[in-house]
Amino acid sequence: MKKGILLVNLGTPEQPKAGPVRRYLRKFLGDRRVIDMPRVPWWLILNLMILPTRPKHSAELYQKIWSDEKGSPLLYYTQRQATQLQEKFPDQMVRYAMCYSKPFVPDILSEMMALGMEELTVIPMYPQYSQTTVAPVFDQVSDYFKDKANIPQIYFQQSFYREPLYIKYMANQIKAELAHEKYDKIIFSYHGIPQKYVKHGDPYPKQCDETTRQVMELIGDFPYLQTYQSKFGPSEWLTPATADIMKKLPQQGNKRILVLTPAFVADCLETLEEIEHENRDYFMKNGGEIFTYLHPLNDSPVFTDLLEKIVLDHETVKEHH
């Protein structure tokens, strides 16, 4: 039986220039899962207010995190994980795709099906589930197969925030830092989502709380704070906002902080630019002394081991049926 594994992440502009950023944002912000608003007013806001101005500014931010040899960090690390996972499963097809940029999910699924795939494990690259991240992966895979004559056996990973390897990785990073530097507080900064999504049943904040709790269980008694970043638009989002907290921490006697971003598996604009540059600036300008950012899993072999475990777990479940 021909088996396939598909890793799916959000996406990234092809180049850090206004044109490619505009194409990427149009696709990303056009998804009803991401922006849950009546279509006509949102179409007007998107096309008349956001897309004419925001891409130029975003492109400048992308230029700061783009690298000559690696290009987009998100794409680079997703590719690396697919390559590393392929080495663990030489008999399976391991591919990666993006929801809102190349390589697109339908194109990669077409390629896998043409190679005779009969079984597919889909792993969205998000530790916590949200309707804004994991659900679009499910939608795109389902949409691809909805009019096909042949559908493979599909296993879909909803989240992996409970996986011990993921929790231990962050705890070990924190412990290593605490061993050689004195800190006042640990900051867990998660990507935010609008409050109304939570009211409609999105379990994301509960899964974030649980992630923090599991990590702190391994750390022990140490001051910490959970915040949310990347607010977009005027609606109410999860609080407290990372940026607001960064401005206040030094005045509250927290001048040395350790920051991690557990909702991200790979560095991207929201970690390298928003956390390491923007939020570091807020913190330091308000009297901070030490701001240490702990990078996400990226191409760590620990993450490859975690992905391998997810695939093997699906296979174990199948054997029991």
Protein backbone atom coordinates (compact mmCIF):
# COMPACT_ATOMS: atom_id res chain seq x y z
CA MET A 1 0.00 0.00 0.00
CA LYS A 2 1.39 3.40 -0.99
CA LYS A 3 1.35 5.79 1.96
CA GLY A 4 1.82 9.53 2.08
CA ILE A 5 2.54 12.09 4.79
CA LEU A 6 1.65 15.73 4.21
CA LEU A 7 2.95 18.55 6.42
CA VAL A 8 0.93 21.74 6.00
CA ASN A 9 1.78 25.24 7.17
CA LEU A 10 0.20 28.66 6.66
CA GLY A 11 2.22 30.13 3.83
CA THR A 12 4.61 32.92 3.01
CA PRO A 13 5.05 35.44 0.19
CA GLU A 14 7.31 34.19 -2.60
CA GLN A 15 9.48 37.29 -2.28
CA PRO A 16 9.68 40.16 0.24
CA LYS A 17 8.18 42.62 -2.26
CA ALA A 18 4.82 44.40 -2.35
CA GLY A 19 3.41 42.38 -5.31
CA PRO A 20 4.02 38.88 -3.91
CA VAL A 21 2.96 40.05 -0.41
CA ARG A 22 -0.30 41.42 -1.87
CA ARG A 23 -1.04 38.08 -3.62
CA TYR A 24 -0.34 36.18 -0.41
CA LEU A 25 -2.46 38.50 1.79
CA ARG A 26 -5.38 38.42 -0.66
CA LYS A 27 -5.48 34.63 -0.41
CA PHE A 28 -4.86 34.50 3.35
CA LEU A 29 -7.24 37.28 4.41
CA GLY A 30 -9.82 36.13 1.87
CA ASP A 31 -10.35 32.87 3.77
CA ARG A 32 -13.62 32.94 5.70
CA ARG A 33 -12.00 30.80 8.43
CA VAL A 34 -9.39 33.49 9.03
CA ILE A 35 -11.70 36.52 8.83
CA ASP A 36 -15.22 35.55 9.82
CA MET A 37 -17.14 38.59 8.62
CA PRO A 38 -19.98 39.20 6.16
CA ARG A 39 -18.37 38.84 2.74
CA VAL A 40 -19.39 42.08 1.03
CA PRO A 41 -18.21 44.55 3.72
CA TRP A 42 -15.05 42.49 4.20
CA TRP A 43 -14.37 42.41 0.44
CA LEU A 44 -14.58 46.22 0.43
CA ILE A 45 -12.29 46.60 3.47
CA LEU A 46 -9.78 44.11 2.07
CA ASN A 47 -9.64 45.49 -1.46
CA LEU A 48 -10.07 49.20 -0.79
CA MET A 49 -8.26 49.67 2.53
CA ILE A 50 -5.86 46.81 3.31
CA LEU A 51 -4.45 45.57 -0.01
CA PRO A 52 -3.61 49.04 -1.43
CA THR A 53 -1.44 49.99 1.59
CA ARG A 54 -0.43 47.08 3.81
CA PRO A 55 1.66 44.99 1.35
CA LYS A 56 4.34 47.69 1.02
CA HIS A 57 4.74 47.92 4.80
CA SER A 58 4.62 44.13 5.25
CA ALA A 59 7.21 43.66 2.48
CA GLU A 60 9.62 45.93 4.37
CA LEU A 61 9.15 43.75 7.48
CA TYR A 62 9.65 40.55 5.46
CA GLN A 63 12.91 41.99 4.07
CA LYS A 64 14.26 42.12 7.65
CA ILE A 65 13.74 38.38 8.22
CA TRP A 66 14.51 37.14 4.68
CA SER A 67 17.86 35.47 4.18
CA ASP A 68 19.96 35.32 0.99
CA GLU A 69 20.66 31.61 1.31
CA LYS A 70 17.45 30.43 3.03
CA GLY A 71 14.80 32.84 1.74
CA SER A 72 11.61 32.73 3.85
CA PRO A 73 12.39 31.09 7.22
CA LEU A 74 8.93 29.51 7.43
CA LEU A 75 9.28 27.84 4.02
CA TYR A 76 12.89 26.86 4.70
CA TYR A 77 12.13 25.11 8.00
CA THR A 78 9.01 23.39 6.62
CA GLN A 79 11.10 22.02 3.72
CA ARG A 80 13.80 20.88 6.16
CA GLN A 81 11.27 19.02 8.31
CA ALA A 82 9.80 17.26 5.26
CA THR A 83 13.30 16.18 4.18
CA GLN A 84 14.21 14.99 7.68
CA LEU A 85 10.92 13.12 8.06
CA GLN A 86 11.39 11.47 4.66
CA GLU A 87 14.62 9.91 5.99
CA LYS A 88 12.58 8.31 8.81
CA PHE A 89 9.99 6.93 6.37
CA PRO A 90 11.90 5.91 3.22
CA ASP A 91 8.95 3.79 2.03
CA GLN A 92 6.41 6.63 2.22
CA MET A 93 5.96 9.84 0.23
CA VAL A 94 6.64 12.80 2.51
CA ARG A 95 5.56 16.16 1.12
CA TYR A 96 4.88 19.65 2.42
CA ALA A 97 2.34 22.24 1.31
CA MET A 98 1.06 25.68 2.27
CA CYS A 99 -2.51 26.91 2.64
CA TYR A 100 -1.97 30.34 1.09
CA SER A 101 1.20 30.12 -1.02
CA LYS A 102 3.12 27.68 -3.21
CA PRO A 103 3.30 24.73 -3.03
CA PHE A 104 -0.49 24.72 -2.64
CA VAL A 105 -2.32 21.84 -0.93
CA PRO A 106 -4.36 20.75 -4.03
CA ASP A 107 -1.25 20.71 -6.25
CA ILE A 108 0.69 18.50 -3.84
CA LEU A 109 -2.29 16.18 -3.31
CA SER A 110 -2.61 15.81 -7.10
CA GLU A 111 1.06 14.86 -7.31
CA MET A 112 0.71 12.30 -4.47
CA MET A 113 -2.44 10.75 -5.96
CA ALA A 114 -0.75 10.50 -9.38
CA LEU A 115 1.95 8.43 -7.65
CA GLY A 116 -0.73 6.00 -6.45
CA MET A 117 -1.18 7.09 -2.84
CA GLU A 118 -3.77 4.96 -0.99
CA GLU A 119 -3.30 6.26 2.55
CA LEU A 120 -2.57 9.79 3.77
CA THR A 121 -1.57 11.26 7.12
CA VAL A 122 -2.10 15.05 7.24
CA ILE A 123 -0.21 17.00 9.91
CA PRO A 124 -1.04 20.71 10.20
CA MET A 125 2.08 22.38 11.63
CA TYR A 126 0.27 24.00 14.56
CA PRO A 127 0.56 22.61 18.10
CA GLN A 128 -2.82 24.03 19.19
CA TYR A 129 -6.04 23.77 17.17
CA SER A 130 -7.85 26.89 15.98
CA GLN A 131 -10.50 27.46 13.34
CA THR A 132 -8.10 30.05 11.89
CA THR A 133 -5.18 27.65 11.34
CA VAL A 134 -5.92 23.92 11.49
CA ALA A 135 -9.48 24.12 10.12
CA PRO A 136 -8.36 25.65 6.77
CA VAL A 137 -6.02 22.67 6.28
CA PHE A 138 -8.95 20.31 6.87
CA ASP A 139 -11.13 22.40 4.50
CA GLN A 140 -8.54 22.35 1.71
CA VAL A 141 -7.90 18.61 1.94
CA SER A 142 -11.68 17.92 2.05
CA ASP A 143 -12.37 20.30 -0.85
CA TYR A 144 -9.74 18.60 -2.96
CA PHE A 145 -11.31 15.17 -2.54
CA LYS A 146 -14.98 16.13 -2.54
CA ASP A 147 -15.52 15.48 -6.27
CA LYS A 148 -12.85 12.79 -6.75
CA ALA A 149 -13.79 9.20 -7.61
CA ASN A 150 -10.99 7.79 -5.47
CA ILE A 151 -10.34 8.94 -1.90
CA PRO A 152 -7.43 7.50 0.09
CA GLN A 153 -7.69 6.47 3.75
CA ILE A 154 -7.03 9.80 5.53
CA TYR A 155 -5.70 10.41 9.06
CA PHE A 156 -5.87 14.01 10.19
CA GLN A 157 -3.93 15.37 13.18
CA GLN A 158 -6.06 17.91 15.06
CA SER A 159 -3.32 19.25 17.40
CA PHE A 160 -0.22 18.03 19.25
CA TYR A 161 0.06 20.33 22.26
CA ARG A 162 -0.24 17.32 24.56
CA GLU A 163 2.74 15.53 23.02
CA PRO A 164 5.45 15.08 25.69
CA LEU A 165 8.27 15.68 23.15
CA TYR A 166 6.89 19.12 22.30
CA ILE A 167 6.39 20.10 25.96
CA LYS A 168 9.78 18.73 27.01
CA TYR A 169 11.55 20.60 24.21
CA MET A 170 10.31 23.96 25.51
CA ALA A 171 10.90 23.06 29.14
CA ASN A 172 14.48 22.00 28.35
CA GLN A 173 15.13 25.26 26.49
CA ILE A 174 13.86 27.24 29.49
CA LYS A 175 15.85 25.16 32.01
CA ALA A 176 19.06 25.63 30.01
CA GLU A 177 18.58 29.42 30.06
CA LEU A 178 17.62 29.58 33.74
CA ALA A 179 20.78 27.62 34.56
CA HIS A 180 23.14 30.32 33.29
CA GLU A 181 21.19 33.60 33.52
CA LYS A 182 19.01 35.23 36.14
CA TYR A 183 15.47 36.05 34.97
CA ASP A 184 12.51 37.75 36.62
CA LYS A 185 9.80 36.21 34.47
CA ILE A 186 9.04 33.74 31.68
CA ILE A 187 6.66 35.06 28.99
CA PHE A 188 4.59 32.63 26.90
CA SER A 189 3.45 34.64 23.86
CA TYR A 190 0.82 32.88 21.73
CA HIS A 191 -0.68 34.07 18.45
CA GLY A 192 -4.00 35.73 19.29
CA ILE A 193 -7.44 35.17 17.77
CA PRO A 194 -10.63 37.27 17.97
CA GLN A 195 -12.74 36.80 21.12
CA LYS A 196 -15.87 36.07 19.07
CA TYR A 197 -14.27 32.89 17.65
CA VAL A 198 -13.84 31.64 21.22
CA LYS A 199 -17.50 32.45 21.96
CA HIS A 200 -18.42 30.32 18.92
CA GLY A 201 -16.52 27.34 20.33
CA ASP A 202 -12.89 27.65 19.18
CA PRO A 203 -10.90 25.67 21.80
CA TYR A 204 -7.64 27.47 21.05
CA PRO A 205 -7.19 29.49 24.29
CA LYS A 206 -7.93 26.41 26.42
CA GLN A 207 -5.24 24.51 24.53
CA CYS A 208 -2.82 27.44 25.02
CA ASP A 209 -3.54 27.45 28.78
CA GLU A 210 -2.93 23.72 28.88
CA THR A 211 0.36 24.07 26.97
CA THR A 212 1.66 26.66 29.44
CA ARG A 213 0.53 24.58 32.40
CA GLN A 214 2.30 21.46 31.11
CA VAL A 215 5.56 23.33 30.49
CA MET A 216 5.47 25.03 33.90
CA GLU A 217 4.85 21.67 35.56
CA LEU A 218 8.29 20.61 34.32
CA ILE A 219 9.90 23.94 35.29
CA GLY A 220 8.51 24.19 38.80
CA ASP A 221 7.86 27.31 40.83
CA PHE A 222 8.90 30.29 38.70
CA PRO A 223 7.04 33.54 37.82
CA TYR A 224 5.47 33.42 34.37
CA LEU A 225 2.86 35.18 32.27
CA GLN A 226 0.79 34.13 29.25
CA THR A 227 0.11 36.75 26.56
CA TYR A 228 -1.26 36.97 23.01
CA GLN A 229 0.34 38.68 20.01
CA SER A 230 -0.33 39.66 16.38
CA LYS A 231 -3.70 41.41 16.83
CA PHE A 232 -5.20 42.42 13.50
CA GLY A 233 -8.15 44.78 12.95
CA PRO A 234 -10.45 46.58 15.40
CA SER A 235 -12.31 43.62 16.97
CA GLU A 236 -11.64 42.33 20.50
CA TRP A 237 -8.87 39.74 20.64
CA LEU A 238 -7.56 37.46 23.37
CA THR A 239 -5.76 39.39 26.10
CA PRO A 240 -3.42 40.42 27.60
CA ALA A 241 -1.64 41.68 24.47
CA THR A 242 2.08 40.88 24.37
CA ALA A 243 2.94 44.41 23.22
CA ASP A 244 1.04 46.05 26.12
CA ILE A 245 2.69 43.74 28.65
CA MET A 246 6.19 44.40 27.26
CA LYS A 247 5.76 48.13 27.88
CA LYS A 248 4.67 47.57 31.51
CA LEU A 249 6.95 44.75 32.68
CA PRO A 250 10.09 46.80 33.47
CA GLN A 251 8.11 49.27 35.62
CA GLN A 252 6.78 46.30 37.61
CA GLY A 253 10.32 45.19 38.43
CA ASN A 254 10.56 42.55 35.67
CA LYS A 255 13.65 43.78 33.85
CA ARG A 256 15.03 40.41 32.77
CA ILE A 257 12.67 38.21 30.78
CA LEU A 258 12.71 34.96 28.85
CA VAL A 259 10.23 34.85 25.94
CA LEU A 260 8.94 31.87 23.98
CA THR A 261 6.25 31.46 21.30
CA PRO A 262 4.65 28.02 21.77
CA ALA A 263 2.04 28.39 19.00
CA PHE A 264 4.76 28.49 16.32
CA VAL A 265 6.84 25.53 15.17
CA ALA A 266 9.03 27.62 12.85
CA ASP A 267 10.40 31.11 12.91
CA CYS A 268 8.46 33.56 10.76
CA LEU A 269 7.45 37.23 10.61
CA GLU A 270 5.51 36.98 13.88
CA THR A 271 8.48 35.59 15.82
CA LEU A 272 11.56 37.16 14.24
CA GLU A 273 10.15 40.60 13.51
CA GLU A 274 7.27 41.02 15.93
CA ILE A 275 8.81 39.38 19.00
CA GLU A 276 12.56 39.72 18.49
CA HIS A 277 12.50 43.24 17.09
CA GLU A 278 9.28 45.08 17.86
CA ASN A 279 8.48 43.66 21.31
CA ARG A 280 12.11 43.64 22.36
CA ASP A 281 12.16 47.39 21.53
CA TYR A 282 9.05 48.06 23.63
CA PHE A 283 10.62 46.19 26.54
CA MET A 284 14.09 47.75 26.34
CA LYS A 285 12.81 51.31 25.75
CA ASN A 286 10.70 51.04 28.90
CA GLY A 287 13.61 50.10 31.13
CA GLY A 288 14.18 46.41 30.38
CA GLU A 289 17.67 44.93 30.78
CA ILE A 290 17.64 41.39 29.36
CA PHE A 291 15.26 40.08 26.70
CA THR A 292 16.02 36.52 25.60
CA TYR A 293 13.91 34.98 22.84
CA LEU A 294 13.78 31.18 22.68
CA HIS A 295 13.34 30.07 19.07
CA PRO A 296 10.66 27.49 18.17
CA LEU A 297 11.38 23.94 16.99
CA ASN A 298 12.50 25.00 13.47
CA ASP A 299 14.56 22.11 12.00
CA SER A 300 15.36 20.51 15.37
CA PRO A 301 15.62 16.70 15.20
CA VAL A 302 13.32 16.69 18.25
CA PHE A 303 10.53 18.02 16.02
CA THR A 304 11.26 15.37 13.40
CA ASP A 305 11.01 12.74 16.17
CA LEU A 306 7.67 14.26 17.22
CA LEU A 307 6.32 14.15 13.65
CA GLU A 308 7.51 10.54 13.36
CA LYS A 309 5.66 9.67 16.59
CA ILE A 310 2.43 11.27 15.27
CA VAL A 311 2.62 9.15 12.09
CA LEU A 312 3.39 5.97 14.05
CA ASP A 313 0.54 6.69 16.49
CA HIS A 314 -1.92 6.85 13.57
CA GLU A 315 -0.57 3.53 12.32
CA THR A 316 -1.02 1.96 15.78
CA VAL A 317 -4.63 3.17 15.97
CA LYS A 318 -5.26 1.65 12.56
CA GLU A 319 -3.84 -1.74 13.56
CA HIS A 320 -6.21 -1.87 16.53
CA HIS A 321 -9.26 -1.42 14.30
